[in-house]
Protein backbone atom coordinates (compact mmCIF):
# COMPACT_ATOMS: atom_id res chain seq x y z
CA UNK A 1 15.99 -19.48 -8.96
CA UNK A 2 14.87 -20.99 -5.69
CA UNK A 3 13.42 -17.71 -4.40
CA UNK A 4 10.97 -17.65 -7.32
CA UNK A 5 9.76 -21.13 -6.37
CA UNK A 6 9.24 -19.93 -2.79
CA UNK A 7 7.43 -16.84 -4.08
CA UNK A 8 5.03 -19.13 -5.93
CA UNK A 9 4.37 -20.98 -2.67
CA UNK A 10 3.74 -17.68 -0.87
CA UNK A 11 1.27 -16.55 -3.51
CA UNK A 12 -0.75 -19.72 -2.96
CA UNK A 13 -1.37 -18.50 0.61
CA UNK A 14 -3.87 -15.62 0.99
CA UNK A 15 -2.10 -12.88 2.96
CA UNK A 16 -3.92 -9.56 2.99
CA UNK A 17 -3.16 -7.26 5.91
CA UNK A 18 -4.81 -8.35 9.17
CA UNK A 19 -5.06 -11.95 7.91
CA UNK A 20 -1.51 -13.31 8.11
CA UNK A 21 -2.11 -16.38 10.30
CA UNK A 22 -1.65 -18.88 7.46
CA UNK A 23 1.53 -17.32 6.10
CA UNK A 24 2.93 -17.13 9.65
CA UNK A 25 2.19 -20.87 9.95
CA UNK A 26 4.07 -21.37 6.68
CA UNK A 27 7.11 -19.51 8.02
CA UNK A 28 7.16 -21.51 11.26
CA UNK A 29 6.84 -24.77 9.34
CA UNK A 30 9.64 -23.61 7.02
CA UNK A 31 11.94 -23.02 10.01
CA UNK A 32 10.99 -26.35 11.60
CA UNK A 33 11.76 -28.22 8.39
CA UNK A 34 15.25 -26.70 8.37
CA UNK A 35 15.76 -27.35 12.08
CA UNK A 36 16.16 -23.64 12.80
CA UNK A 37 15.21 -21.78 15.98
CA UNK A 38 12.27 -19.39 15.62
CA UNK A 39 9.84 -17.26 17.62
CA UNK A 40 6.33 -16.05 16.83
CA UNK A 41 4.74 -13.21 18.78
CA UNK A 42 1.10 -12.38 19.46
CA UNK A 43 0.99 -10.19 16.33
CA UNK A 44 2.10 -13.20 14.22
CA UNK A 45 5.50 -11.63 13.53
CA UNK A 46 8.09 -14.37 13.04
CA UNK A 47 11.86 -14.34 13.51
CA UNK A 48 13.95 -17.27 12.27
CA UNK A 49 17.54 -17.59 13.47
CA UNK A 50 20.30 -19.36 11.59
CA UNK A 51 23.77 -19.90 13.09
CA UNK A 52 26.77 -18.45 11.30
CA UNK A 53 28.58 -20.35 8.61
CA UNK A 54 31.30 -22.40 10.40
CA UNK A 55 34.33 -20.18 11.00
CA UNK A 56 32.28 -16.97 11.05
CA UNK A 57 30.67 -17.28 14.46
CA UNK A 58 32.29 -14.07 15.70
CA UNK A 59 31.00 -11.95 12.85
CA UNK A 60 28.52 -9.15 13.47
CA UNK A 61 24.95 -10.51 13.60
CA UNK A 62 22.84 -9.48 10.61
CA UNK A 63 19.07 -9.02 10.42
CA UNK A 64 17.11 -9.44 7.17
CA UNK A 65 13.77 -7.61 7.38
CA UNK A 66 10.57 -8.13 5.36
CA UNK A 67 6.83 -8.09 5.92
CA UNK A 68 4.47 -10.95 5.11
CA UNK A 69 1.25 -9.09 4.19
CA UNK A 70 0.35 -7.61 0.82
CA UNK A 71 -2.13 -5.12 -0.60
CA UNK A 72 -4.82 -7.17 -2.36
CA UNK A 73 -6.64 -5.35 -5.16
CA UNK A 74 -8.47 -6.75 -8.18
CA UNK A 75 -9.65 -5.44 -11.50
CA UNK A 76 -13.30 -4.48 -11.81
CA UNK A 77 -15.26 -7.61 -12.73
CA UNK A 78 -12.54 -9.97 -11.54
CA UNK A 79 -13.89 -12.71 -9.26
CA UNK A 80 -11.38 -12.66 -6.44
CA UNK A 81 -11.65 -13.38 -2.72
CA UNK A 82 -8.44 -12.11 -1.05
CA UNK A 83 -9.10 -14.28 2.01
CA UNK A 84 -9.24 -17.51 0.04
CA UNK A 85 -7.99 -17.17 -3.53
CA UNK A 86 -4.33 -17.48 -4.58
CA UNK A 87 -2.45 -14.92 -6.66
CA UNK A 88 -2.04 -16.14 -10.23
CA UNK A 89 1.40 -14.96 -11.33
CA UNK A 90 2.85 -15.37 -14.81
CA UNK A 91 6.04 -14.39 -16.63
CA UNK A 92 5.95 -11.90 -19.50
CA UNK A 93 9.48 -11.56 -20.85
CA UNK A 94 11.58 -10.05 -18.06
CA UNK A 95 8.47 -9.18 -16.04
CA UNK A 96 6.38 -11.15 -13.62
CA UNK A 97 2.75 -10.04 -13.41
CA UNK A 98 -0.53 -11.28 -11.94
CA UNK A 99 -3.79 -12.09 -13.68
CA UNK A 100 -6.28 -9.41 -12.73
CA UNK A 101 -4.91 -8.68 -9.25
CA UNK A 102 -1.95 -7.14 -7.48
CA UNK A 103 1.11 -9.40 -7.54
CA UNK A 104 2.43 -9.27 -3.99
CA UNK A 105 6.03 -8.71 -5.08
CA UNK A 106 5.83 -6.00 -2.41
CA UNK A 107 7.14 -7.60 -0.21
CA UNK A 108 6.84 -11.24 -1.22
CA UNK A 109 9.94 -11.22 -3.42
CA UNK A 110 12.17 -9.95 -0.61
CA UNK A 111 10.70 -12.44 1.83
CA UNK A 112 11.25 -15.28 -0.65
CA UNK A 113 14.90 -14.27 -1.01
CA UNK A 114 15.35 -14.27 2.77
CA UNK A 115 13.86 -17.76 3.03
CA UNK A 116 16.04 -19.01 0.18
CA UNK A 117 19.09 -17.71 2.07
CA UNK A 118 18.02 -19.65 5.15
CA UNK A 119 17.68 -22.78 3.05
CA UNK A 120 21.04 -22.54 1.27
CA UNK A 121 24.00 -23.67 3.39
CA UNK A 122 26.48 -22.69 0.67
CA UNK A 123 25.90 -18.99 1.37
CA UNK A 124 28.50 -17.51 3.71
CA UNK A 125 27.13 -15.33 6.50
CA UNK A 126 27.51 -14.47 10.16
CA UNK A 127 24.79 -15.08 12.76
CA UNK A 128 21.54 -14.41 10.92
CA UNK A 129 18.05 -13.35 11.98
CA UNK A 130 15.26 -13.22 9.41
CA UNK A 131 12.35 -11.21 10.80
CA UNK A 132 9.01 -10.98 9.03
CA UNK A 133 6.42 -8.54 10.33
CA UNK A 134 2.65 -8.31 9.92
CA UNK A 135 0.21 -5.61 8.84
CA UNK A 136 2.91 -3.43 7.37
CA UNK A 137 0.59 -2.21 4.64
CA UNK A 138 -2.34 -1.12 6.80
CA UNK A 139 -1.11 0.08 10.16
CA UNK A 140 2.35 -1.41 10.88
CA UNK A 141 0.99 -2.88 14.10
CA UNK A 142 3.42 -5.78 13.83
CA UNK A 143 6.49 -3.55 13.96
CA UNK A 144 4.89 -1.15 16.44
CA UNK A 145 4.28 -3.96 18.96
CA UNK A 146 7.57 -5.85 18.66
CA UNK A 147 9.22 -6.80 21.92
CA UNK A 148 12.54 -4.98 22.43
CA UNK A 149 14.31 -8.37 22.70
CA UNK A 150 12.71 -9.95 19.61
CA UNK A 151 15.93 -9.48 17.61
CA UNK A 152 19.55 -9.13 18.72
CA UNK A 153 21.24 -7.81 15.57
CA UNK A 154 21.75 -4.12 14.92
CA UNK A 155 22.64 -4.16 11.22
CA UNK A 156 19.56 -4.64 9.06
CA UNK A 157 19.21 -5.44 5.37
CA UNK A 158 15.64 -4.46 4.53
CA UNK A 159 14.52 -6.10 1.27
CA UNK A 160 11.31 -4.03 1.11
CA UNK A 161 12.38 -1.45 -1.44
CA UNK A 162 11.01 -0.99 -4.95
CA UNK A 163 13.66 1.21 -6.57
CA UNK A 164 16.35 -1.09 -7.89
CA UNK A 165 18.94 1.63 -8.46
CA UNK A 166 18.74 3.09 -4.97
CA UNK A 167 19.56 2.43 -1.36
CA UNK A 168 16.61 3.85 0.51
CA UNK A 169 18.00 5.75 3.46
CA UNK A 170 14.88 7.54 4.65
CA UNK A 171 11.12 7.30 4.52
CA UNK A 172 8.18 9.52 5.30
CA UNK A 173 6.08 9.11 8.39
CA UNK A 174 2.47 7.99 8.05
CA UNK A 175 -0.80 8.88 9.76
CA UNK A 176 -3.59 6.47 8.82
CA UNK A 177 -7.10 7.27 10.06
CA UNK A 178 -10.51 5.68 9.58
CA UNK A 179 -13.45 8.04 9.85
CA UNK A 180 -16.90 6.72 10.75
CA UNK A 181 -19.61 9.09 9.52
CA UNK A 182 -23.14 8.09 10.59
CA UNK A 183 -25.80 7.64 7.95
CA UNK A 184 -29.52 7.02 8.01
CA UNK A 185 -31.37 5.05 5.38
CA UNK A 186 -34.81 6.34 4.52
CA UNK A 187 -37.50 5.08 2.14
CA UNK A 188 -36.86 5.90 -1.51
CA UNK A 189 -39.00 8.83 -2.73
CA UNK A 190 -42.47 8.12 -3.96
CA UNK A 191 -43.27 8.68 -7.60
CA UNK A 192 -41.63 7.63 -10.84
CA UNK A 193 -37.87 7.26 -10.44
CA UNK A 194 -34.97 6.40 -12.71
CA UNK A 195 -32.23 4.35 -11.05
CA UNK A 196 -28.62 4.36 -12.22
CA UNK A 197 -25.38 2.49 -11.59
CA UNK A 198 -22.41 4.85 -11.87
CA UNK A 199 -19.07 3.15 -12.41
CA UNK A 200 -15.73 4.89 -12.70
CA UNK A 201 -12.95 2.49 -13.69
CA UNK A 202 -9.77 2.02 -15.66
CA UNK A 203 -7.65 4.30 -13.48
CA UNK A 204 -4.03 3.33 -12.98
CA UNK A 205 -4.24 3.80 -9.22
CA UNK A 206 -0.93 2.91 -7.66
CA UNK A 207 0.96 3.39 -4.42
CA UNK A 208 -0.39 6.34 -2.45
CA UNK A 209 3.16 7.33 -1.50
CA UNK A 210 5.55 6.88 -4.43
CA UNK A 211 2.89 7.48 -7.11
CA UNK A 212 1.09 10.38 -5.43
CA UNK A 213 2.96 13.02 -7.46
CA UNK A 214 2.40 11.43 -10.88
CA UNK A 215 -0.80 13.28 -11.63
CA UNK A 216 -2.97 10.18 -11.65
CA UNK A 217 -6.70 10.32 -11.19
CA UNK A 218 -8.20 9.40 -7.84
CA UNK A 219 -11.63 7.81 -8.22
CA UNK A 220 -12.43 9.36 -4.84
CA UNK A 221 -12.26 12.92 -6.16
CA UNK A 222 -13.81 11.94 -9.49
CA UNK A 223 -16.90 10.40 -7.89
CA UNK A 224 -17.21 13.37 -5.54
CA UNK A 225 -17.00 15.75 -8.50
CA UNK A 226 -19.54 13.79 -10.56
CA UNK A 227 -22.09 13.51 -7.76
CA UNK A 228 -21.69 17.21 -7.00
CA UNK A 229 -22.18 18.09 -10.68
CA UNK A 230 -25.30 15.93 -10.97
CA UNK A 231 -26.57 17.60 -7.81
CA UNK A 232 -26.36 20.95 -9.58
CA UNK A 233 -29.10 19.77 -11.94
CA UNK A 234 -31.40 17.91 -9.59
CA UNK A 235 -31.69 16.27 -6.20
CA UNK A 236 -29.44 13.22 -6.17
CA UNK A 237 -30.64 10.32 -4.08
CA UNK A 238 -27.66 8.14 -3.19
CA UNK A 239 -28.35 4.52 -2.25
CA UNK A 240 -24.85 3.03 -2.24
CA UNK A 241 -21.21 4.11 -2.56
CA UNK A 242 -18.04 2.03 -2.79
CA UNK A 243 -14.73 3.69 -3.69
CA UNK A 244 -11.21 2.24 -3.93
CA UNK A 245 -9.65 -1.04 -2.86
CA UNK A 246 -7.12 -0.28 -0.14
CA UNK A 247 -6.09 2.51 2.21
CA UNK A 248 -2.54 2.53 0.85
CA UNK A 249 -3.60 2.77 -2.81
CA UNK A 250 -4.78 5.61 -5.02
CA UNK A 251 -8.40 4.70 -5.73
CA UNK A 252 -8.67 3.39 -9.30
CA UNK A 253 -12.39 2.60 -9.33
CA UNK A 254 -15.64 3.71 -7.76
CA UNK A 255 -19.29 2.64 -7.82
CA UNK A 256 -22.47 4.42 -6.79
CA UNK A 257 -26.19 3.73 -7.07
CA UNK A 258 -28.45 6.78 -7.39
CA UNK A 259 -31.97 7.67 -8.39
CA UNK A 260 -33.65 10.81 -9.73
CA UNK A 261 -37.10 11.67 -10.98
CA UNK A 262 -37.92 10.39 -14.43
CA UNK A 263 -37.92 12.87 -17.28
CA UNK A 264 -35.55 15.79 -17.69
CA UNK A 265 -33.43 14.85 -14.65
CA UNK A 266 -32.80 11.35 -15.97
CA UNK A 267 -31.91 12.67 -19.41
CA UNK A 268 -29.49 15.15 -17.85
CA UNK A 269 -27.63 12.31 -16.11
CA UNK A 270 -27.05 10.48 -19.40
CA UNK A 271 -25.75 13.74 -20.87
CA UNK A 272 -23.42 14.03 -17.89
CA UNK A 273 -21.88 10.65 -18.79
CA UNK A 274 -20.78 11.87 -22.23
CA UNK A 275 -19.49 15.19 -20.96
CA UNK A 276 -17.69 13.58 -18.03
CA UNK A 277 -15.90 11.08 -20.27
CA UNK A 278 -14.78 13.88 -22.55
CA UNK A 279 -13.40 15.70 -19.52
CA UNK A 280 -11.66 12.56 -18.26
CA UNK A 281 -9.96 12.12 -21.62
CA UNK A 282 -8.84 15.75 -21.73
CA UNK A 283 -7.67 15.83 -18.11
CA UNK A 284 -6.17 12.34 -17.66
CA UNK A 285 -5.62 11.01 -21.17
CA UNK A 286 -1.86 10.87 -20.60
CA UNK A 287 -1.68 9.56 -17.02
CA UNK A 288 -4.79 7.32 -17.10
CA UNK A 289 -5.59 6.50 -20.75
CA UNK A 290 -8.11 3.79 -19.88
CA UNK A 291 -10.08 5.87 -17.36
CA UNK A 292 -13.79 5.91 -18.10
CA UNK A 293 -17.25 6.38 -16.60
CA UNK A 294 -20.40 4.42 -17.38
CA UNK A 295 -23.91 5.26 -16.22
CA UNK A 296 -26.37 2.42 -16.77
CA UNK A 297 -29.88 1.55 -15.54
CA UNK A 298 -29.98 -0.05 -12.09
CA UNK A 299 -32.45 -2.14 -10.18
CA UNK A 300 -34.64 -0.04 -7.87
CA UNK A 301 -33.76 0.04 -4.18
CA UNK A 302 -36.22 0.36 -1.33
CA UNK A 303 -34.06 2.77 0.62
CA UNK A 304 -31.65 5.64 0.02
CA UNK A 305 -29.19 7.50 2.25
CA UNK A 306 -30.64 10.68 3.72
CA UNK A 307 -29.73 13.85 1.82
CA UNK A 308 -28.27 15.44 4.95
CA UNK A 309 -25.87 12.54 5.42
CA UNK A 310 -24.76 12.63 1.77
CA UNK A 311 -24.18 16.37 2.10
CA UNK A 312 -22.13 15.76 5.25
CA UNK A 313 -19.85 13.33 3.38
CA UNK A 314 -19.39 15.62 0.38
CA UNK A 315 -18.76 18.63 2.65
CA UNK A 316 -16.07 16.77 4.61
CA UNK A 317 -14.36 15.57 1.42
CA UNK A 318 -14.38 19.13 0.08
CA UNK A 319 -12.43 20.32 3.15
CA UNK A 320 -9.50 17.90 2.93
CA UNK A 321 -6.62 17.66 0.44
CA UNK A 322 -6.19 14.78 -1.98
CA UNK A 323 -2.72 14.21 -3.40
CA UNK A 324 0.43 16.32 -2.98
CA UNK A 325 0.18 18.98 -0.28
CA UNK A 326 3.77 20.27 -0.35
CA UNK A 327 7.01 19.47 -2.15
CA UNK A 328 10.33 19.38 -0.31
CA UNK A 329 12.72 22.29 -0.66
CA UNK A 330 15.67 20.30 0.73
CA UNK A 331 15.08 17.22 -1.45
CA UNK A 332 14.20 18.50 -4.96
CA UNK A 333 11.61 16.36 -6.70
CA UNK A 334 10.55 14.67 -3.46
CA UNK A 335 7.08 15.04 -1.99
CA UNK A 336 7.27 16.43 1.55
CA UNK A 337 3.62 16.01 2.61
CA UNK A 338 0.60 14.33 1.01
CA UNK A 339 -2.81 12.89 1.76
CA UNK A 340 -4.79 10.12 0.09
CA UNK A 341 -8.43 9.12 0.51
CA UNK A 342 -8.07 5.45 -0.34
CA UNK A 343 -11.41 3.86 0.58
CA UNK A 344 -15.02 4.93 1.05
CA UNK A 345 -17.67 2.34 1.80
CA UNK A 346 -21.27 2.42 2.95
CA UNK A 347 -21.92 0.07 5.80
CA UNK A 348 -25.37 -0.44 7.34
CA UNK A 349 -25.31 2.69 9.48
CA UNK A 350 -22.21 4.63 8.45
CA UNK A 351 -19.83 5.78 5.78
CA UNK A 352 -16.31 4.47 6.41
CA UNK A 353 -13.54 6.65 4.96
CA UNK A 354 -9.78 6.03 5.12
CA UNK A 355 -7.25 8.87 4.94
CA UNK A 356 -3.52 8.16 4.64
CA UNK A 357 -1.39 11.22 5.45
CA UNK A 358 2.39 11.15 4.90
CA UNK A 359 5.19 13.60 5.63
CA UNK A 360 8.90 13.77 6.38
CA UNK A 361 8.05 16.40 9.03
CA UNK A 362 6.17 14.75 11.88
CA UNK A 363 4.65 18.00 13.16
CA UNK A 364 3.23 18.73 9.69
CA UNK A 365 1.89 15.19 9.39
CA UNK A 366 0.14 15.28 12.75
CA UNK A 367 -1.29 18.75 12.14
CA UNK A 368 -2.71 17.75 8.77
CA UNK A 369 -4.08 14.54 10.26
CA UNK A 370 -5.78 16.51 13.01
CA UNK A 371 -7.18 19.00 10.50
CA UNK A 372 -8.66 16.11 8.51
CA UNK A 373 -10.09 14.61 11.68
CA UNK A 374 -11.66 17.96 12.57
CA UNK A 375 -13.24 18.26 9.11
CA UNK A 376 -14.99 14.91 9.55
CA UNK A 377 -15.90 15.54 13.19
CA UNK A 378 -17.50 18.83 12.14
CA UNK A 379 -19.94 16.70 10.13
CA UNK A 380 -20.58 14.30 13.00
CA UNK A 381 -17.96 11.60 12.37
CA UNK A 382 -15.81 9.76 14.86
CA UNK A 383 -12.19 9.04 13.93
CA UNK A 384 -10.02 6.02 14.67
CA UNK A 385 -6.24 6.46 14.48
CA UNK A 386 -4.92 3.25 12.94
CA UNK A 387 -1.25 4.16 12.53
CA UNK A 388 1.12 6.93 13.44
CA UNK A 389 4.43 5.75 12.02
CA UNK A 390 7.57 7.83 12.55
CA UNK A 391 9.66 9.12 9.68
CA UNK A 392 13.15 7.68 9.36
CA UNK A 393 16.47 9.07 8.13
CA UNK A 394 19.68 7.02 8.06
CA UNK A 395 23.23 8.42 8.17
CA UNK A 396 24.22 8.21 4.52
CA UNK A 397 27.93 8.34 5.46
CA UNK A 398 27.89 5.29 7.75
CA UNK A 399 30.34 2.44 7.14
CA UNK A 400 27.39 0.06 6.72
CA UNK A 401 25.83 2.07 3.89
CA UNK A 402 29.24 2.61 2.30
CA UNK A 403 29.82 -1.14 2.30
CA UNK A 404 26.38 -1.69 0.77
CA UNK A 405 27.17 0.81 -1.99
CA UNK A 406 30.61 -0.74 -2.55
CA UNK A 407 28.98 -4.15 -2.92
CA UNK A 408 26.62 -2.88 -5.63
CA UNK A 409 29.63 -1.47 -7.45
CA UNK A 410 31.59 -4.69 -7.07
CA UNK A 411 28.77 -6.99 -8.18
CA UNK A 412 26.92 -4.85 -10.75
CA UNK A 413 29.51 -2.27 -11.78
CA UNK A 414 27.60 0.82 -10.65
CA UNK A 415 26.72 2.64 -7.45
CA UNK A 416 23.12 3.14 -6.38
CA UNK A 417 21.70 6.50 -5.41
CA UNK A 418 21.01 7.08 -1.71
CA UNK A 419 17.57 8.64 -1.36
CA UNK A 420 14.73 9.26 1.04
CA UNK A 421 11.39 8.09 -0.37
CA UNK A 422 7.80 9.25 0.10
CA UNK A 423 6.60 5.88 1.23
CA UNK A 424 6.47 4.44 4.72
CA UNK A 425 8.85 1.79 6.00
CA UNK A 426 8.92 0.04 9.33
CA UNK A 427 12.44 1.39 9.83
CA UNK A 428 11.17 4.25 12.02
CA UNK A 429 9.74 1.79 14.54
CA UNK A 430 12.92 -0.29 14.48
CA UNK A 431 15.08 2.76 15.19
CA UNK A 432 12.83 3.59 18.15
CA UNK A 433 12.79 0.06 19.57
CA UNK A 434 16.33 -1.13 18.93
CA UNK A 435 18.92 1.55 19.84
CA UNK A 436 21.99 1.66 17.64
CA UNK A 437 20.33 -0.08 14.71
CA UNK A 438 21.48 0.67 11.14
CA UNK A 439 19.29 -0.07 8.13
CA UNK A 440 20.01 -0.39 4.42
CA UNK A 441 16.86 -0.82 2.35
CA UNK A 442 17.26 -2.36 -1.12
CA UNK A 443 15.12 -4.33 -3.53
CA UNK A 444 14.34 -5.19 -7.16
CA UNK A 445 12.48 -2.99 -9.61
CA UNK A 446 8.77 -3.21 -8.77
CA UNK A 447 6.42 -1.16 -10.93
CA UNK A 448 2.92 -0.10 -9.83
CA UNK A 449 2.89 -1.72 -6.36
CA UNK A 450 -0.51 -1.76 -4.62
CA UNK A 451 -2.30 -1.93 -7.98
CA UNK A 452 -3.49 -4.47 -10.53
CA UNK A 453 -0.67 -3.29 -12.77
CA UNK A 454 2.02 -4.41 -10.30
CA UNK A 455 4.96 -6.16 -11.96
CA UNK A 456 8.55 -6.96 -11.05
CA UNK A 457 11.68 -7.23 -13.18
CA UNK A 458 13.23 -10.70 -12.95
CA UNK A 459 16.68 -9.45 -13.99
CA UNK A 460 16.74 -6.96 -11.13
CA UNK A 461 15.59 -9.72 -8.76
CA UNK A 462 18.66 -11.74 -9.78
CA UNK A 463 20.89 -8.69 -9.35
CA UNK A 464 19.56 -7.89 -5.87
CA UNK A 465 19.95 -11.55 -4.91
CA UNK A 466 23.62 -11.47 -5.95
CA UNK A 467 24.23 -8.16 -4.15
CA UNK A 468 22.62 -9.50 -0.95
CA UNK A 469 24.63 -12.72 -1.00
CA UNK A 470 27.89 -10.84 -1.49
CA UNK A 471 26.98 -8.28 1.16
CA UNK A 472 26.35 -11.08 3.66
CA UNK A 473 29.72 -12.63 2.78
CA UNK A 474 31.58 -9.36 3.28
CA UNK A 475 29.78 -8.67 6.57
CA UNK A 476 30.84 -12.14 7.73
């Protein structure tokens, strides 16, 4: 299929959030090659316009929506530079996977389909606008800053959905914050010290929205628990801390460098490794069977982080929730509100911590976000609000959604469910900016997005392609 060839081209272009310039260039060149009109805004969002198939010029204009960025994560030990290295995809039966990294099927597959539609003049459609936004995965600044006249159409097919058997008709809001907690580095203690590398790895991680209720381990809470437990035995001197890969992912790995006095304290740490691994197996053997912790000798460091600053970090983390906060009463089985600590890093003079709060109730989301901010500010942090994305709920009885459901039934012989999902879509911004807009969000089956286990079903890609083509024909 042509869209798979285009997907391969996309995956040769590094496209992590905040670094979409090269893929935006690719989209503009793609439009120029086809002789199509296009615009590119100052956020690098691109819209490509294709005239209607002859005889269908009076049809309702249709918008196809995708985003061009992806969450780039790599397995521990994998040499991978997301700003320069391509994604190495391969086919495994019906599945497409990536070697040691996330795949980028979210949302590269949908974008590739949209480009293939632009390229194929045999497809019947009305006036068409293909819009591709930036930074969807880490702030949605592309959608948030769109000009109100960037698109004209008011019926949108969003190909950024991961549940093949559903039409997504609603999505949670999101409140992404970065907390900057000052730290001071002081000389390492005098005397005989034992230095250790602590590595937690093998977690399944996953999408911090759709996977948040699956009971998976967060390396954030595991590292916090381990450091706190070691601190019960002796003074822990922390020299470095690096947790998680991306704000929108459940942290699957964590690394710390610590030192303690030689002797009983060092022996106690090695004992902790065995006990901690036994606990990990008992607690997460089903959800994260490969989860493990290793504690190995490390090279000595000249400096450590002051004990007060480490205590401030651990105290703040203790005050905030990680995972599901509340389940919905109106939508059984659906998470209403959650929070995820996706990344913790130690810069030169500060800890940097990301918290990603989601809820279908905006007031609850903002309150929880403010409570989290207050917990960090109590310890001396400053907080940067990266994204406050509105929740979105479509009218499930609209003619547009009925036609979309009818098309699934006509093409595939079954009707999809209509559901609201605990992930964030740009739809909320589009509803705010473009009055009267209607959105149907569909897509192939993508498993484990935002993780190194991400894979996509090729059969469902073909099915969604056929549904989209027929839906365009009927709308024309």
